[in-house]
Amino acid sequence: MWRASGLRRFLLLLLTLTGMAVSAAAAVARLAIVDPAGDERGDAAATLRRLAIPDAELIDPELTRLAVAGSGYDGSLNLSLAKARDLGQSLGCDLYLLGKVIETRRQLGGGREIWQAIAGLFLVESRSGRLARFEYLEVDGMTAAEAHDAMLARLPAAWSRLSPAIAEWHRQADDPSDSLTVIPVAIITDEDLSALPGGELPVVARRVKPVYTLQAASAGIVGT
């Protein structure tokens, strides 16, 4: 009788531990870091991958590169929601980081010059394709190496401002009622419009040109 009771207790403990392990595994967000455009030496990507990422599992860089190549992603930061979702599905992740690095020489007055390193980081939520966080870095240096190293040194602080999006993802994953809703967009063609009474196409009454921040303009970041 004691043996049967002890066996039952052992099985209950095993089931409890198994449930805790499954729950813990489910609570980990899968994160992919895509090599930033312009990061020719891979220093920015390597620095980001070395940072501590709480409550997240980093997908192997080689698997990420293979998935990016297979998806046909061309490095553009001007993605529609549909394309952003497709890329996330190809990567097999919950969140992914895209970026762009620009290192250039700037001429100052009096024949002087400085080097400037710019980095734009985009953290995207795969399921919805929405932009969860954005960070922009701009540093100067007397030499290209100085600007490059200064940009790398500021990446940890930039990531600390991006990473709260992981906690937000966990909150939404734990509460289905708080999940994001993706609103479908109906595409109306010219043929559809011609079938309407009168058959007249719409005319643009007023067109508002978007105004980009200086940082976005410097990094060549645009949106549709």
Protein backbone atom coordinates (compact mmCIF):
# COMPACT_ATOMS: atom_id res chain seq x y z
CA MET A 1 0.00 0.00 0.00
CA TRP A 2 2.86 2.35 0.90
CA ARG A 3 4.60 1.53 -2.35
CA ALA A 4 1.49 2.33 -4.40
CA SER A 5 0.99 5.58 -2.51
CA GLY A 6 4.64 6.51 -2.97
CA LEU A 7 4.44 5.72 -6.69
CA ARG A 8 1.35 7.94 -7.04
CA ARG A 9 3.16 10.81 -5.30
CA PHE A 10 6.15 10.34 -7.58
CA LEU A 11 3.96 10.36 -10.70
CA LEU A 12 2.11 13.47 -9.53
CA LEU A 13 5.44 15.21 -8.88
CA LEU A 14 6.70 14.17 -12.32
CA LEU A 15 3.55 15.48 -14.02
CA THR A 16 3.80 18.74 -12.10
CA LEU A 17 7.44 19.25 -13.08
CA THR A 18 6.65 18.36 -16.70
CA GLY A 19 3.81 20.88 -16.74
CA MET A 20 6.10 23.53 -15.28
CA ALA A 21 8.72 22.80 -17.94
CA VAL A 22 6.16 23.02 -20.74
CA SER A 23 4.79 26.25 -19.28
CA ALA A 24 8.28 27.72 -19.01
CA ALA A 25 9.09 26.72 -22.58
CA ALA A 26 5.88 28.29 -23.83
CA ALA A 27 6.76 31.52 -22.03
CA VAL A 28 9.97 32.02 -24.01
CA ALA A 29 9.71 34.29 -27.05
CA ARG A 30 11.65 33.16 -30.12
CA LEU A 31 13.77 36.07 -31.37
CA ALA A 32 15.61 36.36 -34.69
CA ILE A 33 18.24 39.00 -35.37
CA VAL A 34 18.55 39.66 -39.10
CA ASP A 35 21.94 40.98 -40.20
CA PRO A 36 21.50 44.77 -40.55
CA ALA A 37 21.83 46.24 -44.03
CA GLY A 38 25.17 48.02 -44.40
CA ASP A 39 26.77 46.04 -41.56
CA GLU A 40 29.48 44.75 -43.91
CA ARG A 41 31.79 43.36 -41.22
CA GLY A 42 28.92 41.93 -39.15
CA ASP A 43 30.07 43.78 -36.03
CA ALA A 44 26.66 45.26 -35.21
CA ALA A 45 24.87 41.93 -35.62
CA ALA A 46 27.50 40.12 -33.51
CA THR A 47 27.27 42.77 -30.77
CA LEU A 48 23.47 42.51 -30.63
CA ARG A 49 23.57 38.71 -30.48
CA ARG A 50 25.99 38.79 -27.54
CA LEU A 51 23.65 40.91 -25.42
CA ALA A 52 21.57 39.33 -22.67
CA ILE A 53 18.01 38.81 -23.86
CA PRO A 54 15.69 37.98 -20.92
CA ASP A 55 12.69 35.71 -21.58
CA ALA A 56 13.74 35.16 -25.18
CA GLU A 57 15.40 32.39 -27.15
CA LEU A 58 17.74 33.61 -29.88
CA ILE A 59 17.41 31.69 -33.15
CA ASP A 60 20.71 30.43 -34.54
CA PRO A 61 22.28 33.08 -36.84
CA GLU A 62 22.93 30.59 -39.67
CA LEU A 63 19.32 29.38 -39.59
CA THR A 64 18.21 33.03 -39.65
CA ARG A 65 20.38 33.75 -42.70
CA LEU A 66 19.06 30.68 -44.52
CA ALA A 67 15.46 31.68 -43.76
CA VAL A 68 16.10 35.25 -44.94
CA ALA A 69 17.65 34.01 -48.19
CA GLY A 70 14.79 31.57 -48.75
CA SER A 71 12.15 34.23 -48.13
CA GLY A 72 13.56 36.52 -50.82
CA TYR A 73 13.90 39.41 -48.36
CA ASP A 74 16.07 42.10 -49.97
CA GLY A 75 16.99 44.13 -46.88
CA SER A 76 14.29 46.75 -47.32
CA LEU A 77 13.00 48.52 -44.22
CA ASN A 78 9.88 49.68 -46.06
CA LEU A 79 7.71 46.60 -45.46
CA SER A 80 3.95 46.27 -45.65
CA LEU A 81 2.24 44.42 -42.81
CA ALA A 82 1.73 41.40 -45.07
CA LYS A 83 5.40 41.26 -46.05
CA ALA A 84 6.48 41.73 -42.43
CA ARG A 85 4.24 38.83 -41.37
CA ASP A 86 5.56 36.64 -44.20
CA LEU A 87 9.15 37.32 -43.18
CA GLY A 88 8.34 36.49 -39.55
CA GLN A 89 6.76 33.18 -40.62
CA SER A 90 9.82 32.35 -42.72
CA LEU A 91 12.06 33.05 -39.73
CA GLY A 92 9.84 30.95 -37.44
CA CYS A 93 10.00 33.51 -34.65
CA ASP A 94 7.75 35.60 -32.45
CA LEU A 95 9.79 38.79 -32.81
CA TYR A 96 12.61 39.78 -35.10
CA LEU A 97 15.08 42.62 -35.36
CA LEU A 98 15.85 44.40 -38.61
CA GLY A 99 18.34 47.19 -38.98
CA LYS A 100 20.40 49.47 -41.14
CA VAL A 101 23.91 50.77 -40.57
CA ILE A 102 25.43 53.73 -42.40
CA GLU A 103 29.01 54.93 -41.91
CA THR A 104 29.97 57.99 -43.89
CA ARG A 105 32.32 60.97 -43.94
CA ARG A 106 30.93 64.48 -43.47
CA GLN A 107 32.57 67.70 -44.52
CA LEU A 108 32.60 70.55 -42.02
CA GLY A 109 33.48 74.21 -42.52
CA GLY A 110 37.10 75.19 -42.90
CA GLY A 111 38.07 72.00 -44.69
CA ARG A 112 37.50 69.88 -41.59
CA GLU A 113 35.76 66.52 -41.72
CA ILE A 114 34.32 63.99 -39.32
CA TRP A 115 33.02 60.45 -39.63
CA GLN A 116 29.44 59.62 -38.74
CA ALA A 117 27.97 56.23 -37.86
CA ILE A 118 24.19 55.80 -37.98
CA ALA A 119 22.16 52.78 -36.92
CA GLY A 120 18.39 52.27 -37.15
CA LEU A 121 16.94 49.25 -35.34
CA PHE A 122 13.42 47.92 -35.90
CA LEU A 123 11.87 45.29 -33.62
CA VAL A 124 8.91 43.65 -35.40
CA GLU A 125 6.15 41.42 -34.00
CA SER A 126 5.78 38.47 -36.40
CA ARG A 127 2.12 37.59 -35.92
CA SER A 128 0.79 41.04 -36.77
CA GLY A 129 3.73 42.41 -38.75
CA ARG A 130 3.57 45.59 -36.67
CA LEU A 131 6.59 47.62 -35.63
CA ALA A 132 6.95 47.06 -31.88
CA ARG A 133 9.90 49.40 -31.19
CA PHE A 134 12.32 51.62 -33.10
CA GLU A 135 15.73 52.95 -32.04
CA TYR A 136 17.99 55.41 -33.82
CA LEU A 137 21.67 55.98 -33.08
CA GLU A 138 23.91 58.68 -34.50
CA VAL A 139 27.50 59.12 -33.35
CA ASP A 140 30.49 61.10 -34.64
CA GLY A 141 34.19 60.36 -34.59
CA MET A 142 37.41 61.87 -35.82
CA THR A 143 38.13 58.64 -37.72
CA ALA A 144 35.98 55.93 -39.29
CA ALA A 145 37.16 53.44 -36.65
CA GLU A 146 36.30 55.84 -33.81
CA ALA A 147 32.75 56.41 -35.10
CA HIS A 148 32.29 52.68 -35.72
CA ASP A 149 33.41 51.71 -32.21
CA ALA A 150 31.27 54.44 -30.63
CA MET A 151 28.21 53.13 -32.46
CA LEU A 152 28.88 49.57 -31.26
CA ALA A 153 29.34 50.83 -27.69
CA ARG A 154 25.86 52.40 -27.75
CA LEU A 155 24.06 49.32 -29.03
CA PRO A 156 23.54 47.78 -25.54
CA ALA A 157 21.72 50.93 -24.38
CA ALA A 158 19.64 50.91 -27.56
CA TRP A 159 18.69 47.28 -26.96
CA SER A 160 17.65 48.06 -23.39
CA ARG A 161 15.09 50.45 -24.85
CA LEU A 162 13.91 47.89 -27.41
CA SER A 163 13.64 44.86 -25.14
CA PRO A 164 10.48 45.95 -23.23
CA ALA A 165 8.62 44.87 -26.38
CA ILE A 166 9.42 41.27 -25.37
CA ALA A 167 7.60 41.76 -22.07
CA GLU A 168 4.69 43.24 -24.01
CA TRP A 169 4.65 40.17 -26.26
CA HIS A 170 4.52 37.92 -23.16
CA ARG A 171 1.62 39.91 -21.74
CA GLN A 172 -0.35 39.55 -24.96
CA ALA A 173 0.52 35.85 -25.25
CA ASP A 174 -0.72 35.23 -21.69
CA ASP A 175 -3.96 37.16 -22.23
CA PRO A 176 -5.78 36.13 -25.44
CA SER A 177 -8.32 38.92 -24.93
CA ASP A 178 -5.45 41.40 -25.26
CA SER A 179 -4.23 40.01 -28.57
CA LEU A 180 -3.68 42.27 -31.53
CA THR A 181 -6.34 42.47 -34.18
CA VAL A 182 -5.23 42.68 -37.78
CA ILE A 183 -7.87 44.48 -39.82
CA PRO A 184 -8.20 43.05 -43.34
CA VAL A 185 -7.97 45.53 -46.19
CA ALA A 186 -10.31 45.16 -49.15
CA ILE A 187 -8.57 45.79 -52.46
CA ILE A 188 -10.88 47.56 -54.95
CA THR A 189 -9.83 47.39 -58.58
CA ASP A 190 -10.67 49.70 -61.48
CA GLU A 191 -12.99 46.98 -62.77
CA ASP A 192 -14.94 47.04 -59.51
CA LEU A 193 -15.29 50.81 -59.71
CA SER A 194 -16.40 50.78 -63.33
CA ALA A 195 -19.29 48.53 -62.35
CA LEU A 196 -20.62 51.14 -59.92
CA PRO A 197 -23.38 53.58 -60.97
CA GLY A 198 -21.79 56.24 -63.15
CA GLY A 199 -18.59 54.19 -63.49
CA GLU A 200 -16.38 57.12 -62.50
CA LEU A 201 -13.01 56.64 -60.84
CA PRO A 202 -12.24 58.61 -57.67
CA VAL A 203 -10.21 61.79 -57.94
CA VAL A 204 -7.63 62.90 -55.38
CA ALA A 205 -8.98 66.02 -53.69
CA ARG A 206 -5.98 66.68 -51.45
CA ARG A 207 -2.64 64.92 -51.07
CA VAL A 208 -0.67 65.28 -47.85
CA LYS A 209 3.05 64.68 -48.23
CA PRO A 210 4.57 62.97 -45.16
CA VAL A 211 7.24 64.85 -43.26
CA TYR A 212 10.14 62.69 -42.08
CA THR A 213 12.31 63.46 -39.09
CA LEU A 214 15.89 64.53 -39.69
CA GLN A 215 17.08 61.20 -38.29
CA ALA A 216 14.87 59.20 -40.67
CA ALA A 217 15.96 61.28 -43.63
CA SER A 218 19.63 60.83 -42.69
CA ALA A 219 19.23 57.05 -42.51
CA GLY A 220 17.16 56.81 -45.68
CA ILE A 221 14.18 55.42 -43.74
CA VAL A 222 10.80 55.85 -45.38
CA GLY A 223 7.34 54.37 -45.08
CA THR A 224 4.37 53.61 -47.30
